[in-house]
């Protein structure tokens, strides 16, 4: 499992994020505080506080590089990499 921080700060971003994830057969969970929801659920995502960064748990053993490439528009870059 890999965990990354993402930002979903607009409705369009949420829609494209869910569309991108549904291409994969892996499980993705969004974790915000004590809430864990299915990252492929638009309704679930809108139940979270989208003004803050959200942790995304990727439950995949292979294709991590491909998934990370797909997630690039949503990832929060570490300041050390900027």
PDB file of N, CA and C in Angstrom:
ATOM      1  N   UNK A   1       0.850  -1.193   0.000  1.00  0.00           N
ATOM      2  CA  UNK A   1       0.000   0.000   0.000  1.00  0.00           C
ATOM      3  C   UNK A   1       0.883   1.240   0.000  1.00  0.00           C
ATOM      4  N   UNK A   2       0.455   2.235  -0.757  1.00  0.00           N
ATOM      5  CA  UNK A   2       1.175   3.512  -0.824  1.00  0.00           C
ATOM      6  C   UNK A   2       0.206   4.610  -0.429  1.00  0.00           C
ATOM      7  N   UNK A   3       0.695   5.606   0.312  1.00  0.00           N
ATOM      8  CA  UNK A   3      -0.141   6.730   0.723  1.00  0.00           C
ATOM      9  C   UNK A   3       0.454   8.029   0.180  1.00  0.00           C
ATOM     10  N   UNK A   4      -0.401   8.844  -0.446  1.00  0.00           N
ATOM     11  CA  UNK A   4       0.021  10.156  -0.956  1.00  0.00           C
ATOM     12  C   UNK A   4      -0.993  11.195  -0.504  1.00  0.00           C
ATOM     13  N   UNK A   5      -0.578  12.457  -0.500  1.00  0.00           N
ATOM     14  CA  UNK A   5      -1.502  13.542  -0.166  1.00  0.00           C
ATOM     15  C   UNK A   5      -1.998  14.182  -1.443  1.00  0.00           C
ATOM     16  N   UNK A   6      -3.314  14.400  -1.488  1.00  0.00           N
ATOM     17  CA  UNK A   6      -3.912  15.010  -2.674  1.00  0.00           C
ATOM     18  C   UNK A   6      -4.768  16.203  -2.268  1.00  0.00           C
ATOM     19  N   UNK A   7      -5.095  17.004  -3.265  1.00  0.00           N
ATOM     20  CA  UNK A   7      -5.981  18.141  -3.075  1.00  0.00           C
ATOM     21  C   UNK A   7      -7.110  18.036  -4.097  1.00  0.00           C
ATOM     22  N   UNK A   8      -8.347  18.100  -3.620  1.00  0.00           N
ATOM     23  CA  UNK A   8      -9.533  18.073  -4.492  1.00  0.00           C
ATOM     24  C   UNK A   8     -10.354  19.318  -4.164  1.00  0.00           C
ATOM     25  N   UNK A   9      -9.891  20.473  -4.651  1.00  0.00           N
ATOM     26  CA  UNK A   9     -10.483  21.734  -4.218  1.00  0.00           C
ATOM     27  C   UNK A   9     -11.503  22.318  -5.193  1.00  0.00           C
ATOM     28  N   UNK A  10     -11.979  21.511  -6.144  1.00  0.00           N
ATOM     29  CA  UNK A  10     -13.046  21.981  -7.027  1.00  0.00           C
ATOM     30  C   UNK A  10     -13.914  20.803  -7.458  1.00  0.00           C
ATOM     31  N   UNK A  11     -15.143  21.097  -7.848  1.00  0.00           N
ATOM     32  CA  UNK A  11     -16.070  20.046  -8.269  1.00  0.00           C
ATOM     33  C   UNK A  11     -15.531  19.329  -9.505  1.00  0.00           C
ATOM     34  N   UNK A  12     -14.978  20.087 -10.450  1.00  0.00           N
ATOM     35  CA  UNK A  12     -14.431  19.478 -11.667  1.00  0.00           C
ATOM     36  C   UNK A  12     -13.263  18.548 -11.353  1.00  0.00           C
ATOM     37  N   UNK A  13     -12.448  18.952 -10.374  1.00  0.00           N
ATOM     38  CA  UNK A  13     -11.314  18.126  -9.983  1.00  0.00           C
ATOM     39  C   UNK A  13     -11.796  16.808  -9.375  1.00  0.00           C
ATOM     40  N   UNK A  14     -12.844  16.867  -8.564  1.00  0.00           N
ATOM     41  CA  UNK A  14     -13.403  15.651  -7.949  1.00  0.00           C
ATOM     42  C   UNK A  14     -13.924  14.724  -9.046  1.00  0.00           C
ATOM     43  N   UNK A  15     -14.654  15.271 -10.007  1.00  0.00           N
ATOM     44  CA  UNK A  15     -15.222  14.442 -11.083  1.00  0.00           C
ATOM     45  C   UNK A  15     -14.126  13.771 -11.907  1.00  0.00           C
ATOM     46  N   UNK A  16     -13.109  14.529 -12.293  1.00  0.00           N
ATOM     47  CA  UNK A  16     -12.042  13.936 -13.106  1.00  0.00           C
ATOM     48  C   UNK A  16     -11.223  12.934 -12.288  1.00  0.00           C
ATOM     49  N   UNK A  17     -11.045  13.206 -10.983  1.00  0.00           N
ATOM     50  CA  UNK A  17     -10.326  12.289 -10.092  1.00  0.00           C
ATOM     51  C   UNK A  17     -11.036  10.933 -10.037  1.00  0.00           C
ATOM     52  N   UNK A  18     -12.346  10.951  -9.818  1.00  0.00           N
ATOM     53  CA  UNK A  18     -13.119   9.704  -9.743  1.00  0.00           C
ATOM     54  C   UNK A  18     -13.075   8.972 -11.094  1.00  0.00           C
ATOM     55  N   UNK A  19     -13.204   9.717 -12.190  1.00  0.00           N
ATOM     56  CA  UNK A  19     -13.123   9.098 -13.520  1.00  0.00           C
ATOM     57  C   UNK A  19     -11.769   8.444 -13.756  1.00  0.00           C
ATOM     58  N   UNK A  20     -10.691   9.098 -13.303  1.00  0.00           N
ATOM     59  CA  UNK A  20      -9.347   8.533 -13.462  1.00  0.00           C
ATOM     60  C   UNK A  20      -9.185   7.257 -12.639  1.00  0.00           C
ATOM     61  N   UNK A  21      -9.701   7.249 -11.415  1.00  0.00           N
ATOM     62  CA  UNK A  21      -9.533   6.080 -10.552  1.00  0.00           C
ATOM     63  C   UNK A  21     -10.357   4.878 -11.014  1.00  0.00           C
ATOM     64  N   UNK A  22     -11.512   5.118 -11.616  1.00  0.00           N
ATOM     65  CA  UNK A  22     -12.360   4.001 -12.029  1.00  0.00           C
ATOM     66  C   UNK A  22     -11.731   3.193 -13.167  1.00  0.00           C
ATOM     67  N   UNK A  23     -10.673   3.703 -13.778  1.00  0.00           N
ATOM     68  CA  UNK A  23      -9.959   2.956 -14.820  1.00  0.00           C
ATOM     69  C   UNK A  23      -9.167   1.791 -14.219  1.00  0.00           C
ATOM     70  N   UNK A  24      -8.954   1.825 -12.923  1.00  0.00           N
ATOM     71  CA  UNK A  24      -8.136   0.804 -12.253  1.00  0.00           C
ATOM     72  C   UNK A  24      -9.008  -0.129 -11.421  1.00  0.00           C
ATOM     73  N   UNK A  25      -8.586  -1.395 -11.357  1.00  0.00           N
ATOM     74  CA  UNK A  25      -9.329  -2.386 -10.571  1.00  0.00           C
ATOM     75  C   UNK A  25      -8.880  -2.432  -9.114  1.00  0.00           C
ATOM     76  N   UNK A  26      -7.988  -1.551  -8.725  1.00  0.00           N
ATOM     77  CA  UNK A  26      -7.483  -1.532  -7.350  1.00  0.00           C
ATOM     78  C   UNK A  26      -8.416  -0.739  -6.446  1.00  0.00           C
ATOM     79  N   UNK A  27      -8.234  -0.937  -5.132  1.00  0.00           N
ATOM     80  CA  UNK A  27      -8.995  -0.167  -4.154  1.00  0.00           C
ATOM     81  C   UNK A  27      -8.217   1.097  -3.795  1.00  0.00           C
ATOM     82  N   UNK A  28      -8.963   2.186  -3.660  1.00  0.00           N
ATOM     83  CA  UNK A  28      -8.393   3.467  -3.252  1.00  0.00           C
ATOM     84  C   UNK A  28      -9.247   4.005  -2.112  1.00  0.00           C
ATOM     85  N   UNK A  29      -8.610   4.396  -1.010  1.00  0.00           N
ATOM     86  CA  UNK A  29      -9.333   4.964   0.127  1.00  0.00           C
ATOM     87  C   UNK A  29      -8.851   6.384   0.379  1.00  0.00           C
ATOM     88  N   UNK A  30      -9.796   7.278   0.667  1.00  0.00           N
ATOM     89  CA  UNK A  30      -9.443   8.625   1.098  1.00  0.00           C
ATOM     90  C   UNK A  30      -9.584   8.688   2.605  1.00  0.00           C
ATOM     91  N   UNK A  31      -8.579   9.235   3.275  1.00  0.00           N
ATOM     92  CA  UNK A  31      -8.570   9.323   4.732  1.00  0.00           C
ATOM     93  C   UNK A  31      -8.485  10.793   5.130  1.00  0.00           C
ATOM     94  N   UNK A  32      -9.498  11.246   5.862  1.00  0.00           N
ATOM     95  CA  UNK A  32      -9.524  12.611   6.359  1.00  0.00           C
ATOM     96  C   UNK A  32      -9.939  12.549   7.818  1.00  0.00           C
ATOM     97  N   UNK A  33      -8.971  12.793   8.705  1.00  0.00           N
ATOM     98  CA  UNK A  33      -9.259  12.655  10.136  1.00  0.00           C
ATOM     99  C   UNK A  33      -9.600  11.208  10.449  1.00  0.00           C
ATOM    100  N   UNK A  34     -10.766  10.989  11.047  1.00  0.00           N
ATOM    101  CA  UNK A  34     -11.157   9.612  11.392  1.00  0.00           C
ATOM    102  C   UNK A  34     -12.051   8.979  10.337  1.00  0.00           C
ATOM    103  N   UNK A  35     -12.283   9.689   9.243  1.00  0.00           N
ATOM    104  CA  UNK A  35     -13.146   9.175   8.178  1.00  0.00           C
ATOM    105  C   UNK A  35     -12.326   8.496   7.084  1.00  0.00           C
ATOM    106  N   UNK A  36     -12.779   7.330   6.667  1.00  0.00           N
ATOM    107  CA  UNK A  36     -12.173   6.608   5.549  1.00  0.00           C
ATOM    108  C   UNK A  36     -13.295   6.306   4.569  1.00  0.00           C
ATOM    109  N   UNK A  37     -13.144   6.775   3.339  1.00  0.00           N
ATOM    110  CA  UNK A  37     -14.192   6.544   2.342  1.00  0.00           C
ATOM    111  C   UNK A  37     -13.577   5.994   1.053  1.00  0.00           C
ATOM    112  N   UNK A  38     -14.412   5.355   0.259  1.00  0.00           N
ATOM    113  CA  UNK A  38     -13.998   4.829  -1.038  1.00  0.00           C
ATOM    114  C   UNK A  38     -13.708   6.006  -1.969  1.00  0.00           C
ATOM    115  N   UNK A  39     -12.494   6.068  -2.513  1.00  0.00           N
ATOM    116  CA  UNK A  39     -12.105   7.197  -3.360  1.00  0.00           C
ATOM    117  C   UNK A  39     -12.830   7.204  -4.701  1.00  0.00           C
ATOM    118  N   UNK A  40     -13.535   6.130  -5.033  1.00  0.00           N
ATOM    119  CA  UNK A  40     -14.285   6.079  -6.287  1.00  0.00           C
ATOM    120  C   UNK A  40     -15.730   6.541  -6.103  1.00  0.00           C
ATOM    121  N   UNK A  41     -16.063   7.016  -4.889  1.00  0.00           N
ATOM    122  CA  UNK A  41     -17.421   7.457  -4.578  1.00  0.00           C
ATOM    123  C   UNK A  41     -17.493   8.986  -4.545  1.00  0.00           C
ATOM    124  N   UNK A  42     -18.158   9.558  -5.544  1.00  0.00           N
ATOM    125  CA  UNK A  42     -18.293  11.023  -5.586  1.00  0.00           C
ATOM    126  C   UNK A  42     -19.032  11.525  -4.348  1.00  0.00           C
ATOM    127  N   UNK A  43     -20.107  10.850  -3.982  1.00  0.00           N
ATOM    128  CA  UNK A  43     -20.868  11.278  -2.791  1.00  0.00           C
ATOM    129  C   UNK A  43     -20.001  11.212  -1.534  1.00  0.00           C
ATOM    130  N   UNK A  44     -19.209  10.166  -1.420  1.00  0.00           N
ATOM    131  CA  UNK A  44     -18.317  10.032  -0.271  1.00  0.00           C
ATOM    132  C   UNK A  44     -17.307  11.152  -0.205  1.00  0.00           C
ATOM    133  N   UNK A  45     -16.739  11.497  -1.353  1.00  0.00           N
ATOM    134  CA  UNK A  45     -15.731  12.571  -1.401  1.00  0.00           C
ATOM    135  C   UNK A  45     -16.334  13.892  -0.952  1.00  0.00           C
ATOM    136  N   UNK A  46     -17.559  14.170  -1.386  1.00  0.00           N
ATOM    137  CA  UNK A  46     -18.179  15.439  -1.009  1.00  0.00           C
ATOM    138  C   UNK A  46     -18.578  15.481   0.462  1.00  0.00           C
ATOM    139  N   UNK A  47     -18.504  14.344   1.159  1.00  0.00           N
ATOM    140  CA  UNK A  47     -18.782  14.349   2.600  1.00  0.00           C
ATOM    141  C   UNK A  47     -17.546  14.758   3.401  1.00  0.00           C
ATOM    142  N   UNK A  48     -16.402  14.868   2.727  1.00  0.00           N
ATOM    143  CA  UNK A  48     -15.154  15.244   3.399  1.00  0.00           C
ATOM    144  C   UNK A  48     -14.941  16.753   3.330  1.00  0.00           C
ATOM    145  N   UNK A  49     -14.041  17.244   4.180  1.00  0.00           N
ATOM    146  CA  UNK A  49     -13.633  18.653   4.139  1.00  0.00           C
ATOM    147  C   UNK A  49     -12.593  18.802   3.028  1.00  0.00           C
ATOM    148  N   UNK A  50     -13.019  19.315   1.884  1.00  0.00           N
ATOM    149  CA  UNK A  50     -12.137  19.393   0.721  1.00  0.00           C
ATOM    150  C   UNK A  50     -11.222  20.616   0.733  1.00  0.00           C
ATOM    151  N   UNK A  51     -11.330  21.443   1.772  1.00  0.00           N
ATOM    152  CA  UNK A  51     -10.445  22.609   1.863  1.00  0.00           C
ATOM    153  C   UNK A  51      -9.066  22.213   2.393  1.00  0.00           C
ATOM    154  N   UNK A  52      -8.944  20.990   2.908  1.00  0.00           N
ATOM    155  CA  UNK A  52      -7.679  20.512   3.472  1.00  0.00           C
ATOM    156  C   UNK A  52      -7.117  19.394   2.600  1.00  0.00           C
ATOM    157  N   UNK A  53      -5.805  19.163   2.680  1.00  0.00           N
ATOM    158  CA  UNK A  53      -5.227  18.011   1.968  1.00  0.00           C
ATOM    159  C   UNK A  53      -5.825  16.711   2.501  1.00  0.00           C
ATOM    160  N   UNK A  54      -5.939  15.728   1.642  1.00  0.00           N
ATOM    161  CA  UNK A  54      -6.522  14.439   1.998  1.00  0.00           C
ATOM    162  C   UNK A  54      -5.505  13.352   1.679  1.00  0.00           C
ATOM    163  N   UNK A  55      -5.402  12.355   2.549  1.00  0.00           N
ATOM    164  CA  UNK A  55      -4.520  11.222   2.284  1.00  0.00           C
ATOM    165  C   UNK A  55      -5.239  10.212   1.407  1.00  0.00           C
ATOM    166  N   UNK A  56      -4.558   9.738   0.381  1.00  0.00           N
ATOM    167  CA  UNK A  56      -5.083   8.714  -0.508  1.00  0.00           C
ATOM    168  C   UNK A  56      -4.264   7.451  -0.311  1.00  0.00           C
ATOM    169  N   UNK A  57      -4.925   6.369   0.117  1.00  0.00           N
ATOM    170  CA  UNK A  57      -4.275   5.069   0.248  1.00  0.00           C
ATOM    171  C   UNK A  57      -4.509   4.287  -1.043  1.00  0.00           C
ATOM    172  N   UNK A  58      -3.431   3.865  -1.662  1.00  0.00           N
ATOM    173  CA  UNK A  58      -3.497   3.109  -2.912  1.00  0.00           C
ATOM    174  C   UNK A  58      -3.193   1.654  -2.581  1.00  0.00           C
ATOM    175  N   UNK A  59      -4.171   0.788  -2.756  1.00  0.00           N
ATOM    176  CA  UNK A  59      -4.003  -0.633  -2.443  1.00  0.00           C
ATOM    177  C   UNK A  59      -3.658  -1.388  -3.722  1.00  0.00           C
ATOM    178  N   UNK A  60      -2.447  -1.173  -4.210  1.00  0.00           N
ATOM    179  CA  UNK A  60      -1.990  -1.821  -5.442  1.00  0.00           C
ATOM    180  C   UNK A  60      -0.568  -2.316  -5.242  1.00  0.00           C
ATOM    181  N   UNK A  61      -0.300  -3.503  -5.744  1.00  0.00           N
ATOM    182  CA  UNK A  61       1.046  -4.070  -5.652  1.00  0.00           C
ATOM    183  C   UNK A  61       1.853  -3.795  -6.919  1.00  0.00           C
ATOM    184  N   UNK A  62       1.134  -3.600  -8.029  1.00  0.00           N
ATOM    185  CA  UNK A  62       1.821  -3.347  -9.299  1.00  0.00           C
ATOM    186  C   UNK A  62       1.217  -2.101  -9.936  1.00  0.00           C
ATOM    187  N   UNK A  63       1.828  -1.652 -11.016  1.00  0.00           N
ATOM    188  CA  UNK A  63       1.369  -0.472 -11.762  1.00  0.00           C
ATOM    189  C   UNK A  63       1.396   0.822 -10.942  1.00  0.00           C
ATOM    190  N   UNK A  64       2.174   0.861  -9.876  1.00  0.00           N
ATOM    191  CA  UNK A  64       2.222   2.065  -9.029  1.00  0.00           C
ATOM    192  C   UNK A  64       2.683   3.280  -9.846  1.00  0.00           C
ATOM    193  N   UNK A  65       3.678   3.084 -10.715  1.00  0.00           N
ATOM    194  CA  UNK A  65       4.185   4.213 -11.515  1.00  0.00           C
ATOM    195  C   UNK A  65       3.105   4.769 -12.433  1.00  0.00           C
ATOM    196  N   UNK A  66       2.329   3.882 -13.045  1.00  0.00           N
ATOM    197  CA  UNK A  66       1.240   4.314 -13.924  1.00  0.00           C
ATOM    198  C   UNK A  66       0.180   5.066 -13.130  1.00  0.00           C
ATOM    199  N   UNK A  67      -0.159   4.549 -11.962  1.00  0.00           N
ATOM    200  CA  UNK A  67      -1.164   5.190 -11.113  1.00  0.00           C
ATOM    201  C   UNK A  67      -0.666   6.570 -10.663  1.00  0.00           C
ATOM    202  N   UNK A  68       0.596   6.652 -10.264  1.00  0.00           N
ATOM    203  CA  UNK A  68       1.147   7.932  -9.813  1.00  0.00           C
ATOM    204  C   UNK A  68       1.139   8.957 -10.948  1.00  0.00           C
ATOM    205  N   UNK A  69       1.385   8.518 -12.169  1.00  0.00           N
ATOM    206  CA  UNK A  69       1.339   9.418 -13.324  1.00  0.00           C
ATOM    207  C   UNK A  69      -0.085   9.950 -13.513  1.00  0.00           C
ATOM    208  N   UNK A  70      -1.071   9.082 -13.347  1.00  0.00           N
ATOM    209  CA  UNK A  70      -2.475   9.472 -13.466  1.00  0.00           C
ATOM    210  C   UNK A  70      -2.862  10.476 -12.375  1.00  0.00           C
ATOM    211  N   UNK A  71      -2.277  10.305 -11.192  1.00  0.00           N
ATOM    212  CA  UNK A  71      -2.635  11.138 -10.037  1.00  0.00           C
ATOM    213  C   UNK A  71      -1.898  12.480  -9.999  1.00  0.00           C
ATOM    214  N   UNK A  72      -0.953  12.701 -10.896  1.00  0.00           N
ATOM    215  CA  UNK A  72      -0.130  13.923 -10.848  1.00  0.00           C
ATOM    216  C   UNK A  72      -0.925  15.220 -10.683  1.00  0.00           C
ATOM    217  N   UNK A  73      -2.044  15.412 -11.403  1.00  0.00           N
ATOM    218  CA  UNK A  73      -2.766  16.694 -11.268  1.00  0.00           C
ATOM    219  C   UNK A  73      -3.340  16.930  -9.865  1.00  0.00           C
ATOM    220  N   UNK A  74      -3.456  15.889  -9.062  1.00  0.00           N
ATOM    221  CA  UNK A  74      -4.098  16.001  -7.746  1.00  0.00           C
ATOM    222  C   UNK A  74      -3.088  15.971  -6.604  1.00  0.00           C
ATOM    223  N   UNK A  75      -1.871  15.561  -6.875  1.00  0.00           N
ATOM    224  CA  UNK A  75      -0.876  15.396  -5.819  1.00  0.00           C
ATOM    225  C   UNK A  75      -0.432  16.736  -5.255  1.00  0.00           C
ATOM    226  N   UNK A  76      -0.161  16.727  -3.967  1.00  0.00           N
ATOM    227  CA  UNK A  76       0.414  17.905  -3.309  1.00  0.00           C
ATOM    228  C   UNK A  76       1.917  17.660  -3.259  1.00  0.00           C
ATOM    229  N   UNK A  77       2.654  18.538  -3.922  1.00  0.00           N
ATOM    230  CA  UNK A  77       4.106  18.384  -3.984  1.00  0.00           C
ATOM    231  C   UNK A  77       4.730  18.764  -2.648  1.00  0.00           C
ATOM    232  N   UNK A  78       5.745  18.024  -2.261  1.00  0.00           N
ATOM    233  CA  UNK A  78       6.497  18.392  -1.064  1.00  0.00           C
ATOM    234  C   UNK A  78       7.317  19.635  -1.371  1.00  0.00           C
ATOM    235  N   UNK A  79       7.411  20.533  -0.401  1.00  0.00           N
ATOM    236  CA  UNK A  79       8.137  21.795  -0.626  1.00  0.00           C
ATOM    237  C   UNK A  79       9.608  21.536  -0.942  1.00  0.00           C
ATOM    238  N   UNK A  80      10.154  20.406  -0.475  1.00  0.00           N
ATOM    239  CA  UNK A  80      11.557  20.082  -0.755  1.00  0.00           C
ATOM    240  C   UNK A  80      11.780  19.785  -2.231  1.00  0.00           C
ATOM    241  N   UNK A  81      10.739  19.316  -2.917  1.00  0.00           N
ATOM    242  CA  UNK A  81      10.866  18.992  -4.329  1.00  0.00           C
ATOM    243  C   UNK A  81      10.629  20.193  -5.242  1.00  0.00           C
ATOM    244  N   UNK A  82      10.042  21.226  -4.690  1.00  0.00           N
ATOM    245  CA  UNK A  82       9.665  22.397  -5.517  1.00  0.00           C
ATOM    246  C   UNK A  82      10.871  23.220  -5.892  1.00  0.00           C
TER     247      UNK A  82
END
